Protein backbone atom coordinates (compact mmCIF):
# COMPACT_ATOMS: atom_id res chain seq x y z
CA MET A 1 50.77 87.96 309.50
CA PRO A 2 49.46 89.10 306.12
CA LYS A 3 45.80 89.95 305.72
CA THR A 4 43.51 90.13 302.70
CA VAL A 5 40.71 92.65 302.38
CA ILE A 6 37.43 90.95 301.41
CA LEU A 7 35.24 92.90 298.98
CA PRO A 8 32.29 90.86 297.66
CA PRO A 9 31.12 91.63 294.11
CA GLY A 10 28.82 94.66 294.07
CA THR A 11 30.15 96.05 297.35
CA THR A 12 29.37 99.73 297.76
CA THR A 13 31.83 102.20 299.20
CA PRO A 14 31.55 102.01 303.01
CA ILE A 15 30.30 105.11 304.86
CA ALA A 16 33.39 105.08 307.08
CA PRO A 17 37.05 103.99 306.76
CA PHE A 18 36.72 100.18 306.98
CA SER A 19 36.56 97.06 304.82
CA PRO A 20 33.54 94.74 304.76
CA GLY A 21 35.83 91.92 305.84
CA THR A 22 39.40 90.81 306.27
CA LEU A 23 40.95 87.37 306.07
CA ALA A 24 44.00 86.55 308.17
CA ASP A 25 45.38 83.10 308.96
CA GLY A 26 42.14 81.36 307.97
CA VAL A 27 39.92 83.64 310.03
CA VAL A 28 37.39 85.99 308.42
CA TYR A 29 36.51 89.09 310.40
CA VAL A 30 33.31 90.71 309.12
CA SER A 31 32.83 94.35 310.08
CA GLY A 32 29.73 95.50 311.89
CA THR A 33 27.11 95.22 309.14
CA LEU A 34 24.01 97.34 308.70
CA ALA A 35 21.26 96.73 306.15
CA PHE A 36 22.62 99.11 303.51
CA ASP A 37 21.18 99.10 300.00
CA LYS A 38 23.29 99.87 296.91
CA ASP A 39 22.98 103.62 297.60
CA ASN A 40 24.07 103.32 301.26
CA ASN A 41 20.53 103.91 302.52
CA ILE A 42 19.08 101.63 305.19
CA ALA A 43 16.91 98.90 303.67
CA HIS A 44 13.74 97.93 305.55
CA PRO A 45 13.67 100.99 307.87
CA GLY A 46 12.46 100.00 311.34
CA ASP A 47 11.90 96.35 310.29
CA ALA A 48 14.12 94.13 312.46
CA ALA A 49 13.35 90.93 310.53
CA GLY A 50 13.96 92.53 307.13
CA GLN A 51 17.18 94.16 308.30
CA THR A 52 18.44 90.96 309.93
CA ARG A 53 17.86 88.99 306.72
CA HIS A 54 19.58 91.68 304.63
CA ILE A 55 22.53 91.82 307.05
CA LEU A 56 22.98 88.04 307.16
CA GLU A 57 22.90 87.87 303.36
CA THR A 58 25.63 90.53 303.27
CA ILE A 59 27.69 88.65 305.87
CA LYS A 60 27.20 85.42 303.90
CA SER A 61 28.53 87.18 300.79
CA VAL A 62 31.66 88.36 302.62
CA ILE A 63 32.36 84.89 304.03
CA GLU A 64 31.72 83.16 300.70
CA THR A 65 34.00 85.62 298.90
CA ALA A 66 36.71 84.61 301.39
CA GLY A 67 36.09 80.92 300.59
CA GLY A 68 33.87 79.90 303.51
CA THR A 69 30.23 79.35 304.38
CA LEU A 70 27.94 80.38 307.21
CA ALA A 71 28.70 76.97 308.76
CA ASP A 72 32.20 78.36 309.43
CA VAL A 73 30.87 81.17 311.65
CA THR A 74 32.16 80.86 315.21
CA MET A 75 30.96 84.15 316.74
CA ASN A 76 28.30 86.77 316.09
CA HIS A 77 28.08 90.13 317.83
CA ILE A 78 24.50 91.41 317.59
CA PHE A 79 23.47 94.97 318.33
CA ILE A 80 19.81 96.05 318.47
CA THR A 81 18.30 99.44 319.24
CA ASP A 82 15.40 98.09 321.30
CA TRP A 83 14.70 94.77 323.03
CA SER A 84 11.34 94.66 321.25
CA HIS A 85 13.32 93.58 318.13
CA TYR A 86 14.94 90.59 319.85
CA GLY A 87 12.28 88.03 318.83
CA ALA A 88 12.26 89.05 315.17
CA VAL A 89 16.06 88.95 315.03
CA ASN A 90 16.11 85.46 316.58
CA THR A 91 13.48 84.12 314.18
CA VAL A 92 15.47 85.14 311.10
CA TYR A 93 18.81 84.26 312.73
CA ALA A 94 17.63 80.68 313.33
CA GLU A 95 16.97 80.28 309.57
CA TYR A 96 20.60 81.11 308.78
CA PHE A 97 22.10 78.99 311.56
CA PRO A 98 19.87 75.87 311.66
CA GLY A 99 22.44 73.35 312.95
CA ASP A 100 25.16 73.92 315.49
CA LYS A 101 24.88 77.53 316.58
CA PRO A 102 27.86 79.89 316.74
CA ALA A 103 28.64 81.68 319.98
CA ARG A 104 27.06 85.13 320.17
CA TYR A 105 25.93 87.98 322.30
CA CYS A 106 23.27 90.63 321.86
CA VAL A 107 23.23 94.11 323.37
CA GLN A 108 20.96 97.13 323.10
CA VAL A 109 22.74 100.18 321.65
CA GLY A 110 22.39 103.29 319.53
CA LEU A 111 23.43 102.76 315.90
CA VAL A 112 25.13 105.10 313.42
CA LYS A 113 21.98 105.44 311.26
CA PRO A 114 18.65 106.23 312.97
CA GLU A 115 16.70 103.97 310.55
CA ALA A 116 18.89 101.00 311.48
CA VAL A 117 17.58 98.75 314.24
CA VAL A 118 20.07 95.84 313.88
CA GLU A 119 23.82 95.51 313.32
CA ILE A 120 25.83 92.27 313.30
CA ALA A 121 29.59 91.67 313.26
CA THR A 122 30.92 88.15 312.64
CA VAL A 123 34.00 85.95 312.97
CA ALA A 124 34.36 82.79 310.86
CA HIS A 125 37.18 80.23 310.80
CA ILE A 126 37.62 78.80 307.30
CA GLY A 127 40.93 76.99 307.71
CA GLY A 128 44.56 77.71 306.99
CA ARG A 129 44.30 79.99 303.96
């Protein structure tokens, strides 16, 4: 099955060998997303709410570039560095998914950048494209 790499306008070069997203058979797979600014520094260091908002905006951009919307999201994989961030993540998350909620899980982990406290990876089904 052919796949298409999804690169939203203004995408910076990733810090590792991956694409921000791929589209295959109407499914968008969004890579684990950190709150990177245009210079690949972590935006909102230590701020779970600020990072969650930044990440979800980035994910939204990937999905929209592929032709979908956040309403097409079926699964989110959420990684946090400390359970003390869970409430802030949920507050912002609820703003982006106000209606029917996608499936998800959340685990506590170490992340690739010490200033990062949240990472989210996403799957969205946007139809037979």
